[in-house]
Amino acid sequence: MLAAVLAAAALGLAGCVPADEGPTIAFLMPDATTERWEHLDRPTMEHVVAQRCSTCTFRYANAREDALAQREQAESFLADGADVLVLTAVDGASALSIVAEATSRGVPVIAYDRFLASPDVAFYVSFDPRRVGRIQGDALVAELAARGKADGGILVVGGAASDPNAVNNRAGLDAALAGTEHTILAEIDVPGWSPDLARDWVADQIARVGAENVAGVYAANDALAAAAISALLAAGADPLPVVTGQDAELAAVQRIVAGQQTMTVYKAIAQQARTAAEIAVRIARGEPPVVPTRVDGVPAVLLTPTGVGRDDVANILVGGGVLAVDDICTPTFVQACTDAGLLPRSTP
């Protein structure tokens, strides 16, 4: 028993030891650099599984951007008798071998957040990634127009090329830019969505073209936005260009309130995790889930994302119970929150 526990720990596995009396649902996360996986997706999914299936066991693992480690984690779960895999792939191509192995064992795979191009995938649960990119691109174009920069130069800081979501985000951006006069100064698909790599790349581009010539930065998510803004501030960019984001992370919302980041895309991640957990439980019990739509033949649930700018924080995020004013308006951001209408102005 001790040897099995130690072996699981070496692979980065966590969660309870599988129970004999009910099915086991295993969740495979892709990285630890995006805060949502460990802080929102996993605990929400675990909670729902516990509520909906008292005899189910929930297990989880984080691959920390290592596709080989994710395959080893999946193999370990399968060897231990997992009944359903919920998989957010590190690499869309290499994860197909996980799907194939699971299918050969009769274990259904739910592609979570990132699409997997395999007819063997049992279900796909995500937000429409092309719509996300279109929301980002439309916000970028609109803000550049508002600043009188209808032909401004843009740096494109995209997500990992191995992530189908990043590819579709970019397709949405391209649709938004079609017919405009904007010039893409340079572009990158950041390996592993690494903020460090993104920051260094943006710094290099600023040195090459000059901060004053960067009108906008398409950053595919909030972590990449933070990296781009860090490089811009270090280069003395004033004013900061338009910068997009995605995920509505707290730090990103604070940057939006402070006027550093232009927008983010809010996705009701807890709803996504609850949906995936409900589907996983139904599949584990042999109950066919409802199929609202299909993506490339795969049964799917695609949720609707929402763009959030400075004027939307109060209504969408605070009013919607996503974030509290006290969380956003820490001492550093009191004045910015007051200017944004999140805090009342003090009476003289």
Protein backbone atom coordinates (compact mmCIF):
# COMPACT_ATOMS: atom_id res chain seq x y z
CA MET A 1 0.00 0.00 0.00
CA LEU A 2 2.77 2.45 0.96
CA ALA A 3 4.61 1.72 -2.29
CA ALA A 4 1.46 2.51 -4.30
CA VAL A 5 0.98 5.82 -2.50
CA LEU A 6 4.62 6.79 -3.05
CA ALA A 7 4.40 5.87 -6.73
CA ALA A 8 1.31 8.04 -7.13
CA ALA A 9 3.03 10.97 -5.42
CA ALA A 10 5.99 10.67 -7.76
CA LEU A 11 3.64 11.15 -10.71
CA GLY A 12 2.04 14.22 -9.15
CA LEU A 13 -1.21 12.41 -8.35
CA ALA A 14 -3.51 13.49 -5.56
CA GLY A 15 -6.96 12.76 -4.16
CA CYS A 16 -8.47 9.81 -2.40
CA VAL A 17 -7.59 6.18 -2.84
CA PRO A 18 -10.19 4.64 -5.18
CA ALA A 19 -13.13 3.07 -3.40
CA ASP A 20 -14.31 -0.42 -4.31
CA GLU A 21 -18.01 0.39 -3.94
CA GLY A 22 -18.36 3.03 -6.65
CA PRO A 23 -16.86 4.48 -9.81
CA THR A 24 -13.70 6.56 -9.93
CA ILE A 25 -13.59 9.85 -11.82
CA ALA A 26 -10.10 11.23 -12.53
CA PHE A 27 -9.33 14.81 -13.54
CA LEU A 28 -6.07 15.55 -15.39
CA MET A 29 -5.01 19.22 -15.27
CA PRO A 30 -2.46 20.77 -17.66
CA ASP A 31 -0.43 23.28 -15.65
CA ALA A 32 0.06 25.21 -12.45
CA THR A 33 0.80 28.61 -14.01
CA THR A 34 -2.88 29.40 -14.64
CA GLU A 35 -4.49 29.76 -11.22
CA ARG A 36 -7.93 28.48 -12.22
CA TRP A 37 -7.05 24.78 -12.46
CA GLU A 38 -6.08 24.21 -8.83
CA HIS A 39 -8.16 26.98 -7.26
CA LEU A 40 -11.47 26.72 -9.10
CA ASP A 41 -11.86 23.88 -11.61
CA ARG A 42 -10.58 21.06 -9.41
CA PRO A 43 -12.33 21.94 -6.12
CA THR A 44 -15.62 22.69 -7.89
CA MET A 45 -15.51 19.41 -9.78
CA GLU A 46 -14.56 17.47 -6.67
CA HIS A 47 -17.40 19.06 -4.68
CA VAL A 48 -20.02 18.28 -7.33
CA VAL A 49 -18.88 14.68 -7.71
CA ALA A 50 -19.12 14.23 -3.93
CA GLN A 51 -22.62 15.74 -3.88
CA ARG A 52 -23.99 13.87 -6.87
CA CYS A 53 -22.37 10.49 -6.25
CA SER A 54 -21.68 9.55 -2.64
CA THR A 55 -20.04 6.28 -3.70
CA CYS A 56 -17.79 7.89 -6.32
CA THR A 57 -14.10 8.55 -5.80
CA PHE A 58 -12.56 11.70 -7.26
CA ARG A 59 -8.85 11.78 -8.11
CA TYR A 60 -6.76 14.43 -9.78
CA ALA A 61 -3.29 15.21 -11.10
CA ASN A 62 -1.49 18.25 -12.49
CA ALA A 63 0.97 17.67 -15.33
CA ARG A 64 2.72 21.04 -14.86
CA GLU A 65 3.04 21.59 -18.62
CA ASP A 66 4.68 18.19 -19.20
CA ALA A 67 2.86 16.10 -21.82
CA LEU A 68 4.84 12.96 -20.93
CA ALA A 69 4.00 13.37 -17.24
CA GLN A 70 0.34 13.72 -18.15
CA ARG A 71 0.44 10.48 -20.10
CA GLU A 72 2.06 8.72 -17.11
CA GLN A 73 -0.60 10.15 -14.79
CA ALA A 74 -3.35 8.94 -17.11
CA GLU A 75 -1.80 5.47 -17.34
CA SER A 76 -1.60 5.30 -13.56
CA PHE A 77 -5.26 6.26 -13.18
CA LEU A 78 -6.27 3.71 -15.80
CA ALA A 79 -4.19 0.98 -14.17
CA ASP A 80 -5.88 1.79 -10.84
CA GLY A 81 -9.30 1.29 -12.41
CA ALA A 82 -10.53 4.80 -13.24
CA ASP A 83 -13.98 4.69 -14.80
CA VAL A 84 -13.98 8.15 -16.43
CA LEU A 85 -11.14 10.51 -17.35
CA VAL A 86 -11.74 14.27 -17.46
CA LEU A 87 -8.79 15.53 -19.49
CA THR A 88 -7.46 19.03 -20.09
CA ALA A 89 -4.61 18.22 -22.45
CA VAL A 90 -1.14 19.73 -22.17
CA ASP A 91 -0.66 18.94 -25.84
CA GLY A 92 -3.63 18.23 -28.07
CA ALA A 93 -1.73 15.89 -30.39
CA SER A 94 0.07 13.80 -27.79
CA ALA A 95 -3.07 13.53 -25.66
CA LEU A 96 -4.68 11.49 -28.42
CA SER A 97 -2.63 8.54 -27.19
CA ILE A 98 -4.30 8.93 -23.79
CA VAL A 99 -7.71 8.83 -25.47
CA ALA A 100 -6.70 5.75 -27.45
CA GLU A 101 -5.42 3.93 -24.36
CA ALA A 102 -8.51 4.82 -22.33
CA THR A 103 -10.79 3.72 -25.17
CA SER A 104 -8.99 0.39 -25.46
CA ARG A 105 -9.83 -0.17 -21.78
CA GLY A 106 -13.44 0.91 -22.20
CA VAL A 107 -12.91 4.13 -20.21
CA PRO A 108 -14.72 7.24 -21.57
CA VAL A 109 -12.76 10.50 -21.87
CA ILE A 110 -14.32 13.94 -21.41
CA ALA A 111 -12.26 16.62 -23.16
CA TYR A 112 -12.43 19.49 -20.69
CA ASP A 113 -11.81 23.07 -21.81
CA ARG A 114 -9.53 21.99 -24.69
CA PHE A 115 -10.89 20.09 -27.66
CA LEU A 116 -9.37 16.77 -28.67
CA ALA A 117 -9.75 15.79 -32.30
CA SER A 118 -10.72 12.16 -31.83
CA PRO A 119 -14.02 10.40 -32.56
CA ASP A 120 -13.37 8.33 -29.43
CA VAL A 121 -13.85 11.35 -27.12
CA ALA A 122 -17.07 10.79 -25.19
CA PHE A 123 -17.86 14.45 -24.52
CA TYR A 124 -16.41 17.96 -24.83
CA VAL A 125 -17.14 20.70 -22.26
CA SER A 126 -15.80 24.19 -22.82
CA PHE A 127 -16.46 27.79 -23.73
CA ASP A 128 -16.52 28.57 -27.44
CA PRO A 129 -12.83 29.45 -27.97
CA ARG A 130 -13.40 31.14 -31.33
CA ARG A 131 -16.01 33.36 -29.68
CA VAL A 132 -13.49 34.21 -26.95
CA GLY A 133 -10.96 35.36 -29.57
CA ARG A 134 -13.62 37.37 -31.38
CA ILE A 135 -14.62 39.14 -28.15
CA GLN A 136 -10.97 39.97 -27.47
CA GLY A 137 -10.38 41.15 -31.03
CA ASP A 138 -13.53 43.28 -31.16
CA ALA A 139 -12.59 44.96 -27.87
CA LEU A 140 -9.07 45.58 -29.16
CA VAL A 141 -10.31 47.17 -32.39
CA ALA A 142 -12.95 49.25 -30.61
CA GLU A 143 -10.55 50.66 -28.04
CA LEU A 144 -7.93 51.45 -30.67
CA ALA A 145 -10.60 53.33 -32.63
CA ALA A 146 -11.60 55.22 -29.49
CA ARG A 147 -7.97 56.27 -29.10
CA GLY A 148 -7.80 57.43 -32.70
CA LYS A 149 -5.50 54.61 -33.80
CA ALA A 150 -7.41 52.99 -36.62
CA ASP A 151 -4.18 51.72 -38.18
CA GLY A 152 -2.10 50.98 -35.07
CA GLY A 153 0.51 48.24 -34.82
CA ILE A 154 -0.30 45.16 -32.76
CA LEU A 155 1.80 42.54 -31.00
CA VAL A 156 0.07 39.17 -30.89
CA VAL A 157 0.94 37.10 -27.81
CA GLY A 158 -0.98 33.88 -28.44
CA GLY A 159 -1.26 30.73 -26.38
CA ALA A 160 0.55 27.48 -27.02
CA ALA A 161 0.27 26.19 -30.58
CA SER A 162 -0.33 22.72 -29.12
CA ASP A 163 -3.55 23.96 -27.47
CA PRO A 164 -6.56 23.83 -29.82
CA ASN A 165 -8.19 26.61 -27.80
CA ALA A 166 -5.30 28.95 -28.59
CA VAL A 167 -5.63 28.15 -32.29
CA ASN A 168 -9.34 28.96 -32.19
CA ASN A 169 -8.77 32.09 -30.10
CA ARG A 170 -6.48 33.28 -32.88
CA ALA A 171 -9.10 32.49 -35.51
CA GLY A 172 -11.54 34.72 -33.63
CA LEU A 173 -8.95 37.50 -33.47
CA ASP A 174 -8.30 37.22 -37.20
CA ALA A 175 -12.03 37.57 -37.86
CA ALA A 176 -12.15 40.74 -35.76
CA LEU A 177 -9.13 42.23 -37.54
CA ALA A 178 -10.39 41.39 -41.02
CA GLY A 179 -11.06 44.56 -42.99
CA THR A 180 -9.24 46.85 -40.55
CA GLU A 181 -6.03 48.74 -41.24
CA HIS A 182 -4.16 47.37 -38.25
CA THR A 183 -0.70 45.89 -38.75
CA ILE A 184 0.58 42.88 -36.83
CA LEU A 185 4.10 43.93 -35.85
CA ALA A 186 5.07 40.46 -34.64
CA GLU A 187 3.39 37.36 -33.26
CA ILE A 188 4.21 34.37 -31.11
CA ASP A 189 2.51 31.21 -29.93
CA VAL A 190 3.91 31.06 -26.41
CA PRO A 191 5.05 27.50 -25.55
CA GLY A 192 3.20 26.22 -22.50
CA TRP A 193 1.45 29.60 -22.13
CA SER A 194 4.60 30.61 -20.19
CA PRO A 195 4.44 34.18 -18.80
CA ASP A 196 8.23 34.30 -18.51
CA LEU A 197 8.71 33.50 -22.18
CA ALA A 198 6.00 36.00 -23.11
CA ARG A 199 7.57 38.79 -21.07
CA ASP A 200 10.97 38.24 -22.65
CA TRP A 201 9.49 38.13 -26.13
CA VAL A 202 7.51 41.33 -25.66
CA ALA A 203 10.60 43.05 -24.27
CA ASP A 204 12.55 42.00 -27.37
CA GLN A 205 9.83 43.34 -29.67
CA ILE A 206 9.67 46.64 -27.84
CA ALA A 207 13.42 46.99 -28.24
CA ARG A 208 13.05 46.23 -31.94
CA VAL A 209 10.10 48.46 -32.90
CA GLY A 210 9.93 50.98 -30.04
CA ALA A 211 7.25 51.12 -27.35
CA GLU A 212 5.69 54.18 -28.99
CA ASN A 213 4.87 52.11 -32.08
CA VAL A 214 2.95 49.43 -30.19
CA ALA A 215 -0.69 50.52 -30.18
CA GLY A 216 -2.10 47.26 -28.92
CA VAL A 217 -1.16 43.88 -27.51
CA TYR A 218 -3.37 40.90 -28.09
CA ALA A 219 -2.65 38.73 -25.05
CA ALA A 220 -4.52 35.43 -25.17
CA ASN A 221 -5.05 35.20 -21.41
CA ASP A 222 -4.54 37.22 -18.24
CA ALA A 223 -1.21 35.65 -17.34
CA LEU A 224 0.19 36.61 -20.74
CA ALA A 225 -1.35 40.07 -20.36
CA ALA A 226 0.46 40.51 -17.04
CA ALA A 227 3.73 39.49 -18.70
CA ALA A 228 3.23 41.94 -21.58
CA ILE A 229 2.33 44.79 -19.23
CA SER A 230 5.41 44.06 -17.12
CA ALA A 231 7.64 44.35 -20.19
CA LEU A 232 5.87 47.53 -21.33
CA LEU A 233 6.23 49.19 -17.93
CA ALA A 234 9.89 48.21 -17.76
CA ALA A 235 10.38 49.87 -21.15
CA GLY A 236 8.71 53.06 -19.94
CA ALA A 237 5.65 52.81 -22.20
CA ASP A 238 3.39 55.78 -21.45
CA PRO A 239 0.54 55.55 -22.04
CA LEU A 240 0.23 51.80 -22.06
CA PRO A 241 -1.19 50.32 -25.27
CA VAL A 242 -4.48 48.46 -25.44
CA VAL A 243 -4.00 45.02 -23.82
CA THR A 244 -6.50 42.15 -23.92
CA GLY A 245 -6.81 39.15 -21.62
CA GLN A 246 -8.92 36.13 -20.68
CA ASP A 247 -10.06 34.36 -17.49
CA ALA A 248 -11.04 37.36 -15.29
CA GLU A 249 -8.33 36.58 -12.74
CA LEU A 250 -8.40 38.88 -9.72
CA ALA A 251 -5.05 40.47 -10.53
CA ALA A 252 -6.25 41.13 -14.09
CA VAL A 253 -9.43 42.78 -12.84
CA GLN A 254 -7.32 45.02 -10.61
CA ARG A 255 -5.16 45.94 -13.60
CA ILE A 256 -8.32 46.75 -15.56
CA VAL A 257 -9.63 48.97 -12.77
CA ALA A 258 -6.23 50.68 -12.62
CA GLY A 259 -6.23 51.27 -16.38
CA GLN A 260 -3.29 49.01 -17.23
CA GLN A 261 -5.18 46.16 -18.90
CA THR A 262 -8.05 47.03 -21.22
CA MET A 263 -10.27 43.99 -20.89
CA THR A 264 -10.58 40.33 -20.03
CA VAL A 265 -13.00 37.57 -20.93
CA TYR A 266 -15.07 36.22 -18.08
CA LYS A 267 -15.95 32.56 -18.31
CA ALA A 268 -18.16 31.04 -15.63
CA ILE A 269 -15.53 28.42 -14.83
CA ALA A 270 -17.43 27.08 -11.85
CA GLN A 271 -20.38 26.43 -14.17
CA GLN A 272 -18.06 24.70 -16.63
CA ALA A 273 -16.59 22.50 -13.88
CA ARG A 274 -20.05 21.68 -12.51
CA THR A 275 -21.25 20.73 -15.99
CA ALA A 276 -18.27 18.45 -16.59
CA ALA A 277 -18.68 16.83 -13.18
CA GLU A 278 -22.40 16.20 -13.77
CA ILE A 279 -21.65 14.63 -17.15
CA ALA A 280 -18.83 12.53 -15.67
CA VAL A 281 -21.12 11.19 -12.95
CA ARG A 282 -23.85 10.33 -15.46
CA ILE A 283 -21.38 8.56 -17.74
CA ALA A 284 -19.87 6.68 -14.77
CA ARG A 285 -23.34 5.48 -13.83
CA GLY A 286 -24.14 4.45 -17.38
CA GLU A 287 -26.73 7.23 -17.78
CA PRO A 288 -26.52 8.95 -21.19
CA PRO A 289 -26.08 12.73 -20.78
CA VAL A 290 -28.04 15.25 -22.81
CA VAL A 291 -26.19 16.34 -25.97
CA PRO A 292 -26.89 20.05 -26.69
CA THR A 293 -24.55 20.23 -29.69
CA ARG A 294 -21.63 18.55 -31.45
CA VAL A 295 -18.16 19.77 -32.38
CA ASP A 296 -16.59 17.80 -35.24
CA GLY A 297 -18.95 14.97 -34.36
CA VAL A 298 -18.13 14.97 -30.63
CA PRO A 299 -21.06 15.52 -28.22
CA ALA A 300 -20.48 18.88 -26.58
CA VAL A 301 -21.59 21.61 -24.22
CA LEU A 302 -20.26 25.03 -25.22
CA LEU A 303 -20.85 27.80 -22.69
CA THR A 304 -21.00 31.51 -23.52
CA PRO A 305 -18.07 33.82 -22.60
CA THR A 306 -18.48 37.52 -21.70
CA GLY A 307 -16.13 40.43 -22.35
CA VAL A 308 -15.35 42.62 -19.34
CA GLY A 309 -13.88 46.11 -19.49
CA ARG A 310 -13.50 48.73 -16.76
CA ASP A 311 -17.15 49.79 -17.02
CA ASP A 312 -18.33 46.17 -16.72
CA VAL A 313 -16.55 45.14 -13.53
CA ALA A 314 -19.26 46.38 -11.16
CA ASN A 315 -22.18 44.92 -13.08
CA ILE A 316 -20.80 41.62 -14.37
CA LEU A 317 -18.20 40.55 -11.82
CA VAL A 318 -19.29 42.23 -8.58
CA GLY A 319 -23.02 42.20 -9.30
CA GLY A 320 -22.76 38.63 -10.51
CA GLY A 321 -21.08 37.51 -7.30
CA VAL A 322 -17.86 36.52 -9.05
CA LEU A 323 -15.62 38.90 -7.09
CA ALA A 324 -16.23 41.07 -4.03
CA VAL A 325 -15.38 44.76 -3.92
CA ASP A 326 -13.16 44.08 -0.90
CA ASP A 327 -11.14 41.58 -2.92
CA ILE A 328 -10.60 44.00 -5.79
CA CYS A 329 -10.20 47.23 -3.85
CA THR A 330 -7.20 46.51 -1.67
CA PRO A 331 -5.29 49.57 -0.38
CA THR A 332 -3.21 49.82 -3.57
CA PHE A 333 -6.36 50.10 -5.68
CA VAL A 334 -8.60 52.29 -3.51
CA GLN A 335 -8.23 55.40 -5.67
CA ALA A 336 -8.64 53.43 -8.89
CA CYS A 337 -11.73 51.72 -7.47
CA THR A 338 -13.15 55.09 -6.46
CA ASP A 339 -12.57 56.45 -9.95
CA ALA A 340 -14.21 53.35 -11.41
CA GLY A 341 -17.27 53.73 -9.20
CA LEU A 342 -16.63 50.61 -7.15
CA LEU A 343 -16.10 52.67 -3.99
CA PRO A 344 -17.92 55.84 -2.95
CA ARG A 345 -16.02 59.10 -2.97
CA SER A 346 -15.26 60.39 0.48
CA THR A 347 -17.22 63.45 1.57
CA PRO A 348 -14.97 66.49 2.26
